[in-house]
């Protein structure tokens, strides 16, 4: 069955990321990392809001009290939509060459973030990466702590399965991993669930009501894939972009899969021929999503 894909919003994001659906507002939220901005779209009306910041905004999660929790270049902040940032944690101040990347609220209401070697210069141009220096952290009750000694090239995807495992990805390895969590919330028993898929590399993901994971294939992948927690690929859906970056189910019944994308490092010639790069896409895959976890710690 061919799935129709529509352009929900011609965002022209440099690096659109961290899609999250606010079911209370019926709006889609996301960030443009290099564009240093947070966006919110009401698909039913087309109303779009944008807030700009002085430095990178790397991820967004929703809070139970109605605000948001934000990943920046080197810190975590609380934010009321349209208000000022309130910094609550510095991340890896001892590693100035790192920055934050993925950030997702877990089922227990904590905020999980991953770091990576900073690949974005102050002027928004790319910096070549040379080392695996990324780690995963958990922020809750005012405290930030690492959850594993494992190092990552580019941290992406944070999904918690019904079986209590964490699904996460290293984009540089073209691999998706599964971890168990011990009684202290630390990661162990790493298993590779999907590796070497030939289209692009794994970026952001979301989970549907049946427990399957939807993963965006960035860096030329041009698709989202649906796979089971054991790594079995169920479906591949082509997209009219080459760098899909994150996805979230939304709509009145969580029936629509929204996908962000990027145009980072792309030439003017390529963009002229591929005008949908950096857009927000919408498709109805016939499965439904789950409501988002909200920060409550």
C-alpha atoms as a PDB file:
ATOM      1  CA  UNK A   1       0.000   0.000   0.000  1.00  0.00           C
ATOM      2  CA  UNK A   2       1.465   3.328  -1.068  1.00  0.00           C
ATOM      3  CA  UNK A   3       1.283   5.982   1.648  1.00  0.00           C
ATOM      4  CA  UNK A   4       0.726   9.571   0.555  1.00  0.00           C
ATOM      5  CA  UNK A   5       3.096  12.121   2.066  1.00  0.00           C
ATOM      6  CA  UNK A   6       2.097  15.786   2.278  1.00  0.00           C
ATOM      7  CA  UNK A   7       4.079  18.893   3.110  1.00  0.00           C
ATOM      8  CA  UNK A   8       2.509  20.045   6.382  1.00  0.00           C
ATOM      9  CA  UNK A   9       4.656  23.175   6.559  1.00  0.00           C
ATOM     10  CA  UNK A  10       7.373  24.528   4.251  1.00  0.00           C
ATOM     11  CA  UNK A  11       9.665  25.299   7.181  1.00  0.00           C
ATOM     12  CA  UNK A  12      13.002  25.466   5.321  1.00  0.00           C
ATOM     13  CA  UNK A  13      14.689  24.439   8.581  1.00  0.00           C
ATOM     14  CA  UNK A  14      18.452  24.108   8.518  1.00  0.00           C
ATOM     15  CA  UNK A  15      18.260  21.203  10.980  1.00  0.00           C
ATOM     16  CA  UNK A  16      14.669  20.575  12.021  1.00  0.00           C
ATOM     17  CA  UNK A  17      14.637  18.162  14.972  1.00  0.00           C
ATOM     18  CA  UNK A  18      12.939  16.932  18.148  1.00  0.00           C
ATOM     19  CA  UNK A  19       9.336  16.718  16.918  1.00  0.00           C
ATOM     20  CA  UNK A  20       6.822  16.396  19.764  1.00  0.00           C
ATOM     21  CA  UNK A  21       3.018  16.577  19.657  1.00  0.00           C
ATOM     22  CA  UNK A  22       1.194  18.573  22.322  1.00  0.00           C
ATOM     23  CA  UNK A  23      -2.169  16.829  22.518  1.00  0.00           C
ATOM     24  CA  UNK A  24      -3.502  19.486  24.927  1.00  0.00           C
ATOM     25  CA  UNK A  25      -2.954  22.257  22.388  1.00  0.00           C
ATOM     26  CA  UNK A  26      -3.271  20.101  19.242  1.00  0.00           C
ATOM     27  CA  UNK A  27       0.024  21.540  18.040  1.00  0.00           C
ATOM     28  CA  UNK A  28       3.329  20.172  16.793  1.00  0.00           C
ATOM     29  CA  UNK A  29       6.502  21.494  18.437  1.00  0.00           C
ATOM     30  CA  UNK A  30      10.044  21.142  17.134  1.00  0.00           C
ATOM     31  CA  UNK A  31      13.416  22.901  17.027  1.00  0.00           C
ATOM     32  CA  UNK A  32      15.723  24.101  14.284  1.00  0.00           C
ATOM     33  CA  UNK A  33      19.137  23.425  15.820  1.00  0.00           C
ATOM     34  CA  UNK A  34      21.274  25.522  13.469  1.00  0.00           C
ATOM     35  CA  UNK A  35      18.441  28.023  13.011  1.00  0.00           C
ATOM     36  CA  UNK A  36      18.554  28.572  16.813  1.00  0.00           C
ATOM     37  CA  UNK A  37      14.773  28.488  17.097  1.00  0.00           C
ATOM     38  CA  UNK A  38      11.732  26.714  18.507  1.00  0.00           C
ATOM     39  CA  UNK A  39       8.635  26.251  16.356  1.00  0.00           C
ATOM     40  CA  UNK A  40       5.004  25.388  16.991  1.00  0.00           C
ATOM     41  CA  UNK A  41       2.416  24.583  14.321  1.00  0.00           C
ATOM     42  CA  UNK A  42      -1.338  24.106  14.512  1.00  0.00           C
ATOM     43  CA  UNK A  43      -1.961  21.803  11.514  1.00  0.00           C
ATOM     44  CA  UNK A  44      -5.728  22.401  11.490  1.00  0.00           C
ATOM     45  CA  UNK A  45      -5.362  26.167  11.061  1.00  0.00           C
ATOM     46  CA  UNK A  46      -1.867  26.497   9.606  1.00  0.00           C
ATOM     47  CA  UNK A  47      -0.912  28.937  12.378  1.00  0.00           C
ATOM     48  CA  UNK A  48       2.868  28.853  12.918  1.00  0.00           C
ATOM     49  CA  UNK A  49       4.831  30.357  15.806  1.00  0.00           C
ATOM     50  CA  UNK A  50       8.600  30.806  16.011  1.00  0.00           C
ATOM     51  CA  UNK A  51      10.887  31.849  18.866  1.00  0.00           C
ATOM     52  CA  UNK A  52      14.562  32.671  18.247  1.00  0.00           C
ATOM     53  CA  UNK A  53      17.489  32.281  20.657  1.00  0.00           C
ATOM     54  CA  UNK A  54      21.133  33.430  20.753  1.00  0.00           C
ATOM     55  CA  UNK A  55      22.611  29.936  20.436  1.00  0.00           C
ATOM     56  CA  UNK A  56      21.743  26.376  19.431  1.00  0.00           C
ATOM     57  CA  UNK A  57      18.462  24.833  20.564  1.00  0.00           C
ATOM     58  CA  UNK A  58      18.979  21.087  20.315  1.00  0.00           C
ATOM     59  CA  UNK A  59      15.804  19.486  21.695  1.00  0.00           C
ATOM     60  CA  UNK A  60      12.434  20.153  23.307  1.00  0.00           C
ATOM     61  CA  UNK A  61      10.234  18.176  25.683  1.00  0.00           C
ATOM     62  CA  UNK A  62       6.876  19.108  27.182  1.00  0.00           C
ATOM     63  CA  UNK A  63       6.342  19.637  30.906  1.00  0.00           C
ATOM     64  CA  UNK A  64       3.326  18.471  32.873  1.00  0.00           C
ATOM     65  CA  UNK A  65       2.664  22.058  34.014  1.00  0.00           C
ATOM     66  CA  UNK A  66       2.304  23.263  30.413  1.00  0.00           C
ATOM     67  CA  UNK A  67       5.795  24.635  29.778  1.00  0.00           C
ATOM     68  CA  UNK A  68       8.755  23.001  28.067  1.00  0.00           C
ATOM     69  CA  UNK A  69      12.181  21.624  28.944  1.00  0.00           C
ATOM     70  CA  UNK A  70      14.862  22.579  26.448  1.00  0.00           C
ATOM     71  CA  UNK A  71      18.247  21.227  25.437  1.00  0.00           C
ATOM     72  CA  UNK A  72      20.676  23.959  24.389  1.00  0.00           C
ATOM     73  CA  UNK A  73      24.288  23.730  23.232  1.00  0.00           C
ATOM     74  CA  UNK A  74      25.731  23.086  26.702  1.00  0.00           C
ATOM     75  CA  UNK A  75      22.818  23.252  29.150  1.00  0.00           C
ATOM     76  CA  UNK A  76      19.261  22.269  30.005  1.00  0.00           C
ATOM     77  CA  UNK A  77      16.650  24.967  30.622  1.00  0.00           C
ATOM     78  CA  UNK A  78      12.999  25.294  31.594  1.00  0.00           C
ATOM     79  CA  UNK A  79      10.920  27.533  29.346  1.00  0.00           C
ATOM     80  CA  UNK A  80       7.411  28.902  29.151  1.00  0.00           C
ATOM     81  CA  UNK A  81       6.320  29.336  25.537  1.00  0.00           C
ATOM     82  CA  UNK A  82       7.264  32.899  24.634  1.00  0.00           C
ATOM     83  CA  UNK A  83       9.091  33.479  27.924  1.00  0.00           C
ATOM     84  CA  UNK A  84      12.696  33.508  29.085  1.00  0.00           C
ATOM     85  CA  UNK A  85      14.943  30.480  29.468  1.00  0.00           C
ATOM     86  CA  UNK A  86      15.685  29.355  33.049  1.00  0.00           C
ATOM     87  CA  UNK A  87      18.885  27.310  33.038  1.00  0.00           C
ATOM     88  CA  UNK A  88      18.781  24.363  35.438  1.00  0.00           C
ATOM     89  CA  UNK A  89      21.813  22.227  34.534  1.00  0.00           C
ATOM     90  CA  UNK A  90      25.141  22.566  32.761  1.00  0.00           C
ATOM     91  CA  UNK A  91      26.094  19.500  30.735  1.00  0.00           C
ATOM     92  CA  UNK A  92      29.718  18.402  30.481  1.00  0.00           C
ATOM     93  CA  UNK A  93      31.340  21.752  31.311  1.00  0.00           C
ATOM     94  CA  UNK A  94      34.574  19.766  31.566  1.00  0.00           C
ATOM     95  CA  UNK A  95      34.264  18.783  27.865  1.00  0.00           C
ATOM     96  CA  UNK A  96      34.046  22.137  26.049  1.00  0.00           C
ATOM     97  CA  UNK A  97      34.256  20.437  22.653  1.00  0.00           C
ATOM     98  CA  UNK A  98      30.949  18.612  23.185  1.00  0.00           C
ATOM     99  CA  UNK A  99      27.359  19.774  22.737  1.00  0.00           C
ATOM    100  CA  UNK A 100      23.899  18.364  23.433  1.00  0.00           C
ATOM    101  CA  UNK A 101      21.966  16.574  20.722  1.00  0.00           C
ATOM    102  CA  UNK A 102      18.942  14.334  21.363  1.00  0.00           C
ATOM    103  CA  UNK A 103      16.659  15.092  24.312  1.00  0.00           C
ATOM    104  CA  UNK A 104      13.460  13.214  25.225  1.00  0.00           C
ATOM    105  CA  UNK A 105      11.201  12.945  28.284  1.00  0.00           C
ATOM    106  CA  UNK A 106      11.083   9.379  29.620  1.00  0.00           C
ATOM    107  CA  UNK A 107       7.986   7.526  30.861  1.00  0.00           C
ATOM    108  CA  UNK A 108       8.979   8.292  34.472  1.00  0.00           C
ATOM    109  CA  UNK A 109       8.935  12.057  33.794  1.00  0.00           C
ATOM    110  CA  UNK A 110      12.727  12.529  33.704  1.00  0.00           C
ATOM    111  CA  UNK A 111      14.538  14.269  30.832  1.00  0.00           C
ATOM    112  CA  UNK A 112      17.161  12.209  29.029  1.00  0.00           C
ATOM    113  CA  UNK A 113      19.774  13.911  26.858  1.00  0.00           C
ATOM    114  CA  UNK A 114      22.687  12.751  24.757  1.00  0.00           C
ATOM    115  CA  UNK A 115      25.865  14.603  23.891  1.00  0.00           C
ATOM    116  CA  UNK A 116      28.247  14.503  20.949  1.00  0.00           C
ATOM    117  CA  UNK A 117      31.348  16.220  19.676  1.00  0.00           C
ATOM    118  CA  UNK A 118      30.228  19.702  18.600  1.00  0.00           C
ATOM    119  CA  UNK A 119      29.964  19.756  14.808  1.00  0.00           C
ATOM    120  CA  UNK A 120      28.469  23.240  14.416  1.00  0.00           C
ATOM    121  CA  UNK A 121      30.583  26.410  14.398  1.00  0.00           C
ATOM    122  CA  UNK A 122      29.386  29.711  15.874  1.00  0.00           C
ATOM    123  CA  UNK A 123      28.355  30.873  12.384  1.00  0.00           C
ATOM    124  CA  UNK A 124      26.331  27.703  11.749  1.00  0.00           C
ATOM    125  CA  UNK A 125      28.803  26.064   9.375  1.00  0.00           C
ATOM    126  CA  UNK A 126      29.785  22.412   9.861  1.00  0.00           C
ATOM    127  CA  UNK A 127      32.848  21.259  11.798  1.00  0.00           C
ATOM    128  CA  UNK A 128      34.379  17.877  11.020  1.00  0.00           C
ATOM    129  CA  UNK A 129      34.042  15.323  13.831  1.00  0.00           C
ATOM    130  CA  UNK A 130      37.066  13.356  14.967  1.00  0.00           C
ATOM    131  CA  UNK A 131      36.113  11.375  18.083  1.00  0.00           C
ATOM    132  CA  UNK A 132      33.347   9.449  19.847  1.00  0.00           C
ATOM    133  CA  UNK A 133      32.836  11.625  22.916  1.00  0.00           C
ATOM    134  CA  UNK A 134      29.054  11.474  23.361  1.00  0.00           C
ATOM    135  CA  UNK A 135      27.290  10.107  26.456  1.00  0.00           C
ATOM    136  CA  UNK A 136      23.735   9.676  27.690  1.00  0.00           C
ATOM    137  CA  UNK A 137      22.433  11.526  30.768  1.00  0.00           C
ATOM    138  CA  UNK A 138      19.286  11.648  32.880  1.00  0.00           C
ATOM    139  CA  UNK A 139      18.042  14.892  34.453  1.00  0.00           C
ATOM    140  CA  UNK A 140      15.535  14.643  37.321  1.00  0.00           C
ATOM    141  CA  UNK A 141      14.912  16.310  40.684  1.00  0.00           C
ATOM    142  CA  UNK A 142      17.436  19.014  39.859  1.00  0.00           C
ATOM    143  CA  UNK A 143      20.277  16.565  39.272  1.00  0.00           C
ATOM    144  CA  UNK A 144      22.035  15.438  36.106  1.00  0.00           C
ATOM    145  CA  UNK A 145      23.858  12.118  36.010  1.00  0.00           C
ATOM    146  CA  UNK A 146      25.350   9.860  33.325  1.00  0.00           C
ATOM    147  CA  UNK A 147      23.504   6.592  32.788  1.00  0.00           C
ATOM    148  CA  UNK A 148      26.281   4.680  31.018  1.00  0.00           C
ATOM    149  CA  UNK A 149      30.027   4.708  30.462  1.00  0.00           C
ATOM    150  CA  UNK A 150      29.447   3.940  26.772  1.00  0.00           C
ATOM    151  CA  UNK A 151      30.599   6.570  24.285  1.00  0.00           C
ATOM    152  CA  UNK A 152      28.682   7.551  21.152  1.00  0.00           C
ATOM    153  CA  UNK A 153      29.542   9.393  17.967  1.00  0.00           C
ATOM    154  CA  UNK A 154      26.134  11.068  17.504  1.00  0.00           C
ATOM    155  CA  UNK A 155      23.463  10.273  20.103  1.00  0.00           C
ATOM    156  CA  UNK A 156      19.986   9.889  18.621  1.00  0.00           C
ATOM    157  CA  UNK A 157      16.678   8.133  19.351  1.00  0.00           C
ATOM    158  CA  UNK A 158      15.463   7.603  22.921  1.00  0.00           C
ATOM    159  CA  UNK A 159      12.554   5.151  23.077  1.00  0.00           C
ATOM    160  CA  UNK A 160      11.377   3.079  26.052  1.00  0.00           C
ATOM    161  CA  UNK A 161       9.706  -0.214  25.185  1.00  0.00           C
ATOM    162  CA  UNK A 162       6.824  -1.891  26.999  1.00  0.00           C
ATOM    163  CA  UNK A 163       9.386  -4.435  28.162  1.00  0.00           C
ATOM    164  CA  UNK A 164      11.299  -1.753  30.027  1.00  0.00           C
ATOM    165  CA  UNK A 165      14.301  -1.473  27.697  1.00  0.00           C
ATOM    166  CA  UNK A 166      15.780   1.660  26.150  1.00  0.00           C
ATOM    167  CA  UNK A 167      16.178   1.846  22.375  1.00  0.00           C
ATOM    168  CA  UNK A 168      18.848   4.328  21.288  1.00  0.00           C
ATOM    169  CA  UNK A 169      21.001   4.954  18.235  1.00  0.00           C
ATOM    170  CA  UNK A 170      24.462   6.050  17.230  1.00  0.00           C
ATOM    171  CA  UNK A 171      24.070   7.775  13.888  1.00  0.00           C
ATOM    172  CA  UNK A 172      27.783   7.458  13.123  1.00  0.00           C
ATOM    173  CA  UNK A 173      27.688   3.684  13.645  1.00  0.00           C
ATOM    174  CA  UNK A 174      24.516   3.276  11.544  1.00  0.00           C
ATOM    175  CA  UNK A 175      23.299   1.182  14.462  1.00  0.00           C
ATOM    176  CA  UNK A 176      20.351   1.039  16.858  1.00  0.00           C
ATOM    177  CA  UNK A 177      20.906  -0.494  20.278  1.00  0.00           C
ATOM    178  CA  UNK A 178      18.753  -1.872  23.078  1.00  0.00           C
ATOM    179  CA  UNK A 179      19.702  -1.529  26.751  1.00  0.00           C
ATOM    180  CA  UNK A 180      18.294  -2.909  29.962  1.00  0.00           C
ATOM    181  CA  UNK A 181      17.898  -0.525  32.911  1.00  0.00           C
ATOM    182  CA  UNK A 182      18.944  -1.714  36.354  1.00  0.00           C
ATOM    183  CA  UNK A 183      17.298  -0.794  39.647  1.00  0.00           C
ATOM    184  CA  UNK A 184      19.314   2.437  39.781  1.00  0.00           C
ATOM    185  CA  UNK A 185      18.291   3.487  36.271  1.00  0.00           C
ATOM    186  CA  UNK A 186      21.711   2.735  34.792  1.00  0.00           C
ATOM    187  CA  UNK A 187      22.098   1.065  31.410  1.00  0.00           C
ATOM    188  CA  UNK A 188      23.491  -2.436  30.888  1.00  0.00           C
ATOM    189  CA  UNK A 189      23.136  -5.475  28.615  1.00  0.00           C
ATOM    190  CA  UNK A 190      23.643  -3.551  25.356  1.00  0.00           C
ATOM    191  CA  UNK A 191      22.359  -5.434  22.308  1.00  0.00           C
ATOM    192  CA  UNK A 192      22.415  -4.379  18.663  1.00  0.00           C
ATOM    193  CA  UNK A 193      18.882  -4.559  17.263  1.00  0.00           C
ATOM    194  CA  UNK A 194      19.425  -2.977  13.833  1.00  0.00           C
ATOM    195  CA  UNK A 195      22.709  -2.302  12.073  1.00  0.00           C
ATOM    196  CA  UNK A 196      23.890  -1.556   8.562  1.00  0.00           C
ATOM    197  CA  UNK A 197      20.514  -0.711   6.992  1.00  0.00           C
ATOM    198  CA  UNK A 198      21.563   0.530   3.584  1.00  0.00           C
ATOM    199  CA  UNK A 199      19.489   3.730   3.407  1.00  0.00           C
ATOM    200  CA  UNK A 200      21.047   6.605   5.323  1.00  0.00           C
ATOM    201  CA  UNK A 201      21.691   6.487   9.074  1.00  0.00           C
ATOM    202  CA  UNK A 202      19.384   6.453  12.118  1.00  0.00           C
ATOM    203  CA  UNK A 203      18.199   9.777  13.496  1.00  0.00           C
ATOM    204  CA  UNK A 204      15.144  10.467  15.679  1.00  0.00           C
ATOM    205  CA  UNK A 205      12.348   7.997  16.388  1.00  0.00           C
ATOM    206  CA  UNK A 206       8.926   7.603  17.959  1.00  0.00           C
ATOM    207  CA  UNK A 207       6.849   4.605  18.997  1.00  0.00           C
ATOM    208  CA  UNK A 208       3.325   3.722  17.891  1.00  0.00           C
ATOM    209  CA  UNK A 209       0.419   2.210  19.817  1.00  0.00           C
ATOM    210  CA  UNK A 210       1.445  -1.301  18.758  1.00  0.00           C
ATOM    211  CA  UNK A 211       4.940  -0.876  20.198  1.00  0.00           C
ATOM    212  CA  UNK A 212       6.681  -0.573  16.834  1.00  0.00           C
ATOM    213  CA  UNK A 213       9.369   2.068  16.395  1.00  0.00           C
ATOM    214  CA  UNK A 214       9.426   4.603  13.566  1.00  0.00           C
ATOM    215  CA  UNK A 215      12.948   5.762  12.716  1.00  0.00           C
ATOM    216  CA  UNK A 216      14.003   8.597  10.412  1.00  0.00           C
ATOM    217  CA  UNK A 217      16.875   7.749   8.066  1.00  0.00           C
ATOM    218  CA  UNK A 218      19.023  10.866   7.785  1.00  0.00           C
ATOM    219  CA  UNK A 219      22.054  11.653   5.587  1.00  0.00           C
ATOM    220  CA  UNK A 220      20.550  10.581   2.298  1.00  0.00           C
ATOM    221  CA  UNK A 221      18.188   7.890   3.564  1.00  0.00           C
ATOM    222  CA  UNK A 222      15.065   9.723   2.388  1.00  0.00           C
ATOM    223  CA  UNK A 223      12.667   7.502   4.318  1.00  0.00           C
ATOM    224  CA  UNK A 224      11.238   6.421   7.644  1.00  0.00           C
ATOM    225  CA  UNK A 225      11.274   2.782   8.651  1.00  0.00           C
ATOM    226  CA  UNK A 226       8.992   0.940  11.045  1.00  0.00           C
ATOM    227  CA  UNK A 227      10.627  -1.849  13.017  1.00  0.00           C
ATOM    228  CA  UNK A 228       9.843  -4.108  15.947  1.00  0.00           C
ATOM    229  CA  UNK A 229      11.827  -3.778  19.208  1.00  0.00           C
ATOM    230  CA  UNK A 230      13.763  -6.904  18.148  1.00  0.00           C
ATOM    231  CA  UNK A 231      14.935  -5.119  14.989  1.00  0.00           C
ATOM    232  CA  UNK A 232      12.628  -6.756  12.439  1.00  0.00           C
ATOM    233  CA  UNK A 233      11.822  -4.181   9.760  1.00  0.00           C
ATOM    234  CA  UNK A 234       8.098  -4.040   9.052  1.00  0.00           C
ATOM    235  CA  UNK A 235       7.830  -1.150   6.591  1.00  0.00           C
ATOM    236  CA  UNK A 236       9.802   1.460   4.644  1.00  0.00           C
ATOM    237  CA  UNK A 237       8.076   4.733   3.665  1.00  0.00           C
ATOM    238  CA  UNK A 238       9.753   7.005   1.119  1.00  0.00           C
ATOM    239  CA  UNK A 239       9.766  10.764   1.746  1.00  0.00           C
ATOM    240  CA  UNK A 240      10.260  13.742  -0.625  1.00  0.00           C
ATOM    241  CA  UNK A 241      13.435  14.794   1.210  1.00  0.00           C
ATOM    242  CA  UNK A 242      16.882  13.305   1.672  1.00  0.00           C
ATOM    243  CA  UNK A 243      17.485  14.127   5.361  1.00  0.00           C
ATOM    244  CA  UNK A 244      14.454  13.247   7.549  1.00  0.00           C
ATOM    245  CA  UNK A 245      15.454  13.858  11.146  1.00  0.00           C
ATOM    246  CA  UNK A 246      12.708  13.192  13.714  1.00  0.00           C
ATOM    247  CA  UNK A 247       9.085  12.116  13.872  1.00  0.00           C
ATOM    248  CA  UNK A 248       6.054  12.239  16.150  1.00  0.00           C
ATOM    249  CA  UNK A 249       2.472  11.020  15.935  1.00  0.00           C
ATOM    250  CA  UNK A 250      -0.136  13.769  16.169  1.00  0.00           C
ATOM    251  CA  UNK A 251      -3.599  14.802  15.100  1.00  0.00           C
ATOM    252  CA  UNK A 252      -6.911  14.361  16.940  1.00  0.00           C
ATOM    253  CA  UNK A 253      -6.484  10.583  17.196  1.00  0.00           C
ATOM    254  CA  UNK A 254      -2.676  10.505  16.921  1.00  0.00           C
ATOM    255  CA  UNK A 255      -3.233   9.127  13.434  1.00  0.00           C
ATOM    256  CA  UNK A 256      -0.761  11.354  11.573  1.00  0.00           C
ATOM    257  CA  UNK A 257       3.002  10.878  11.549  1.00  0.00           C
ATOM    258  CA  UNK A 258       4.779  14.233  11.362  1.00  0.00           C
ATOM    259  CA  UNK A 259       8.398  14.244  10.182  1.00  0.00           C
ATOM    260  CA  UNK A 260      10.981  17.036  10.429  1.00  0.00           C
ATOM    261  CA  UNK A 261      13.877  17.339   7.997  1.00  0.00           C
ATOM    262  CA  UNK A 262      17.145  19.193   7.420  1.00  0.00           C
ATOM    263  CA  UNK A 263      18.957  21.056   4.657  1.00  0.00           C
ATOM    264  CA  UNK A 264      22.291  21.327   6.482  1.00  0.00           C
ATOM    265  CA  UNK A 265      25.359  21.342   4.173  1.00  0.00           C
ATOM    266  CA  UNK A 266      23.193  21.213   1.010  1.00  0.00           C
ATOM    267  CA  UNK A 267      24.176  23.335  -1.989  1.00  0.00           C
ATOM    268  CA  UNK A 268      21.992  26.069  -3.462  1.00  0.00           C
ATOM    269  CA  UNK A 269      21.779  24.016  -6.646  1.00  0.00           C
ATOM    270  CA  UNK A 270      20.517  20.966  -4.771  1.00  0.00           C
ATOM    271  CA  UNK A 271      17.959  23.030  -2.850  1.00  0.00           C
ATOM    272  CA  UNK A 272      16.694  24.622  -6.046  1.00  0.00           C
ATOM    273  CA  UNK A 273      16.021  21.151  -7.425  1.00  0.00           C
ATOM    274  CA  UNK A 274      14.717  19.767  -4.116  1.00  0.00           C
ATOM    275  CA  UNK A 275      12.679  22.570  -2.517  1.00  0.00           C
ATOM    276  CA  UNK A 276      11.120  20.374   0.187  1.00  0.00           C
ATOM    277  CA  UNK A 277      14.380  19.838   2.063  1.00  0.00           C
ATOM    278  CA  UNK A 278      13.901  21.184   5.598  1.00  0.00           C
ATOM    279  CA  UNK A 279      10.091  20.938   5.468  1.00  0.00           C
ATOM    280  CA  UNK A 280       7.653  19.307   7.893  1.00  0.00           C
ATOM    281  CA  UNK A 281       5.882  16.323   6.356  1.00  0.00           C
ATOM    282  CA  UNK A 282       2.672  14.512   7.299  1.00  0.00           C
ATOM    283  CA  UNK A 283       1.524  11.001   6.443  1.00  0.00           C
ATOM    284  CA  UNK A 284      -1.128   8.595   7.662  1.00  0.00           C
ATOM    285  CA  UNK A 285       0.456   5.154   7.921  1.00  0.00           C
ATOM    286  CA  UNK A 286      -2.626   3.346   9.228  1.00  0.00           C
ATOM    287  CA  UNK A 287      -1.226   3.016  12.748  1.00  0.00           C
ATOM    288  CA  UNK A 288      -1.747   5.306  15.714  1.00  0.00           C
ATOM    289  CA  UNK A 289       0.679   6.906  18.140  1.00  0.00           C
ATOM    290  CA  UNK A 290       0.943   7.276  21.892  1.00  0.00           C
ATOM    291  CA  UNK A 291       0.578  10.438  23.936  1.00  0.00           C
ATOM    292  CA  UNK A 292       3.848  12.128  24.769  1.00  0.00           C
ATOM    293  CA  UNK A 293       5.650  11.745  28.103  1.00  0.00           C
ATOM    294  CA  UNK A 294       5.770  14.992  30.093  1.00  0.00           C
ATOM    295  CA  UNK A 295       8.528  16.243  32.361  1.00  0.00           C
ATOM    296  CA  UNK A 296       7.297  16.089  35.960  1.00  0.00           C
ATOM    297  CA  UNK A 297      10.461  15.927  38.026  1.00  0.00           C
END
